[in-house]
Amino acid sequence: MYYLSMPLTIVLYVFVITFFITSIFKIENLKWRREVSVRTQSITILLGRFFCVIVVLFLVWTSIPFLKDSFRLVTGQYIVVEGYVQDLNHKSKDLNEYVVLSGVKISFLFDSQLEIGKKYRIKYLPNTQTGINSIEIK
């Protein structure tokens, strides 16, 4: 499931960033409903551009781990950890289930299908801490 969700997330980020960048340059073409002074228009345009730049910077900053992990996902360079499951945590409104294994907190999309106290080998991506594969070791 992660093979689909990460590329779609990156495409969504690129779309939103492109939208905000175009908004920065198109904000001068606003049509005002009533007569507004030039000073108010320039302040509004400046604040709109500032807001768009902040949103773009925030989205780029949050997408960096996904971009770093996309290369690892394509090349198959996962991090492997072995150990006993210490804790499982699935919040009611969160799509991810969090597993603590050998001190590493790994998230799985929807359900990890792991049990506390059993030994597993888990492949995960290091930047987003997202689990890819889990194998029970007997």
Protein backbone atom coordinates (compact mmCIF):
# COMPACT_ATOMS: atom_id res chain seq x y z
CA MET A 1 0.00 0.00 0.00
CA TYR A 2 2.90 2.34 0.72
CA TYR A 3 4.10 1.94 -2.87
CA LEU A 4 0.99 3.86 -3.97
CA SER A 5 0.61 6.33 -1.13
CA MET A 6 4.07 7.91 -1.27
CA PRO A 7 4.08 8.81 -5.01
CA LEU A 8 0.54 10.14 -4.71
CA THR A 9 1.60 12.26 -1.73
CA ILE A 10 4.50 13.70 -3.71
CA VAL A 11 2.22 14.46 -6.68
CA LEU A 12 -0.24 16.18 -4.33
CA TYR A 13 2.57 18.27 -2.81
CA VAL A 14 3.81 19.31 -6.25
CA PHE A 15 0.26 20.28 -7.29
CA VAL A 16 -0.34 22.36 -4.15
CA ILE A 17 3.06 24.05 -4.35
CA THR A 18 2.45 24.89 -8.02
CA PHE A 19 -0.97 26.30 -7.12
CA PHE A 20 0.47 28.57 -4.45
CA ILE A 21 3.35 29.73 -6.66
CA THR A 22 0.89 30.70 -9.40
CA SER A 23 -1.24 32.40 -6.76
CA ILE A 24 1.73 34.57 -5.81
CA PHE A 25 2.01 35.96 -9.34
CA LYS A 26 -1.72 36.16 -10.08
CA ILE A 27 -2.66 37.96 -6.86
CA GLU A 28 -2.24 41.37 -8.52
CA ASN A 29 -5.16 40.59 -10.83
CA LEU A 30 -7.66 40.63 -7.96
CA LYS A 31 -10.99 42.25 -8.71
CA TRP A 32 -12.10 44.40 -5.82
CA ARG A 33 -15.84 44.50 -5.08
CA ARG A 34 -15.78 48.11 -4.03
CA GLU A 35 -13.35 50.96 -4.36
CA VAL A 36 -10.26 50.31 -2.24
CA SER A 37 -7.29 52.59 -1.78
CA VAL A 38 -3.98 51.79 -3.46
CA ARG A 39 -2.30 51.42 -0.07
CA THR A 40 -4.84 48.78 1.06
CA GLN A 41 -4.43 46.93 -2.24
CA SER A 42 -0.63 46.86 -1.96
CA ILE A 43 -0.78 45.70 1.69
CA THR A 44 -3.25 42.95 0.75
CA ILE A 45 -1.07 41.81 -2.14
CA LEU A 46 2.03 41.83 0.09
CA LEU A 47 0.28 39.81 2.82
CA GLY A 48 -1.11 37.36 0.24
CA ARG A 49 2.33 36.80 -1.25
CA PHE A 50 3.86 36.38 2.21
CA PHE A 51 1.20 33.79 3.12
CA CYS A 52 1.75 31.87 -0.13
CA VAL A 53 5.53 31.83 0.38
CA ILE A 54 5.10 30.55 3.95
CA VAL A 55 2.77 27.76 2.77
CA VAL A 56 5.16 26.74 -0.03
CA LEU A 57 8.14 26.67 2.35
CA PHE A 58 6.16 24.60 4.87
CA LEU A 59 5.10 22.09 2.22
CA VAL A 60 8.65 21.77 0.89
CA TRP A 61 9.96 21.29 4.43
CA THR A 62 7.40 18.56 5.21
CA SER A 63 7.92 16.75 1.91
CA ILE A 64 11.72 16.38 2.28
CA PRO A 65 11.50 13.04 4.18
CA PHE A 66 9.18 11.65 1.49
CA LEU A 67 11.58 12.73 -1.24
CA LYS A 68 14.56 11.18 0.55
CA ASP A 69 12.68 7.91 1.04
CA SER A 70 11.41 7.79 -2.55
CA PHE A 71 14.93 6.93 -3.77
CA ARG A 72 15.28 4.22 -1.13
CA LEU A 73 11.87 2.83 -2.11
CA VAL A 74 12.84 2.58 -5.78
CA THR A 75 16.27 1.05 -5.14
CA GLY A 76 15.11 -1.25 -2.34
CA GLN A 77 17.62 0.07 0.21
CA TYR A 78 15.51 -0.47 3.31
CA ILE A 79 16.70 -0.49 6.91
CA VAL A 80 16.15 -3.89 8.58
CA VAL A 81 15.53 -4.24 12.31
CA GLU A 82 14.92 -7.44 14.26
CA GLY A 83 13.47 -7.81 17.70
CA TYR A 84 10.43 -8.33 19.85
CA VAL A 85 7.40 -6.08 19.51
CA GLN A 86 7.28 -3.97 22.65
CA ASP A 87 4.21 -1.82 21.98
CA LEU A 88 1.40 -1.41 19.45
CA ASN A 89 -0.47 1.88 19.24
CA HIS A 90 -3.38 2.62 16.91
CA LYS A 91 -5.21 5.89 17.59
CA SER A 92 -8.86 5.97 16.63
CA LYS A 93 -8.65 8.71 13.97
CA ASP A 94 -5.18 7.90 12.66
CA LEU A 95 -4.69 5.74 9.57
CA ASN A 96 -1.33 4.49 10.84
CA GLU A 97 -0.55 1.86 13.43
CA TYR A 98 2.65 2.49 15.36
CA VAL A 99 4.91 -0.38 16.41
CA VAL A 100 7.84 -0.12 18.82
CA LEU A 101 10.45 -2.75 17.98
CA SER A 102 13.91 -2.69 19.60
CA GLY A 103 13.42 0.95 20.55
CA VAL A 104 12.46 2.04 17.02
CA LYS A 105 8.97 3.46 16.44
CA ILE A 106 7.75 2.34 13.00
CA SER A 107 4.42 3.27 11.42
CA PHE A 108 2.37 0.96 9.20
CA LEU A 109 -0.47 2.15 7.01
CA PHE A 110 -3.78 0.82 8.38
CA ASP A 111 -2.68 -2.39 10.18
CA SER A 112 0.70 -3.96 10.90
CA GLN A 113 -0.70 -7.45 11.67
CA LEU A 114 1.94 -7.85 14.40
CA GLU A 115 1.49 -9.16 17.95
CA ILE A 116 3.17 -8.01 21.14
CA GLY A 117 5.85 -10.38 22.42
CA LYS A 118 6.61 -12.09 19.10
CA LYS A 119 9.91 -11.67 17.24
CA TYR A 120 9.84 -10.01 13.82
CA ARG A 121 12.17 -8.74 11.11
CA ILE A 122 10.87 -5.44 9.73
CA LYS A 123 12.04 -3.52 6.67
CA TYR A 124 11.34 0.20 6.94
CA LEU A 125 12.23 3.53 5.39
CA PRO A 126 14.48 5.58 7.70
CA ASN A 127 13.32 9.15 7.05
CA THR A 128 9.58 8.65 7.41
CA GLN A 129 9.87 5.62 9.74
CA THR A 130 7.34 3.77 7.58
CA GLY A 131 7.29 -0.02 7.63
CA ILE A 132 7.36 -1.82 4.29
CA ASN A 133 7.52 -5.51 5.16
CA SER A 134 7.38 -7.64 8.31
CA ILE A 135 8.35 -11.29 8.72
CA GLU A 136 7.82 -13.32 11.86
CA ILE A 137 10.97 -15.07 13.10
CA LYS A 138 10.42 -18.35 14.92
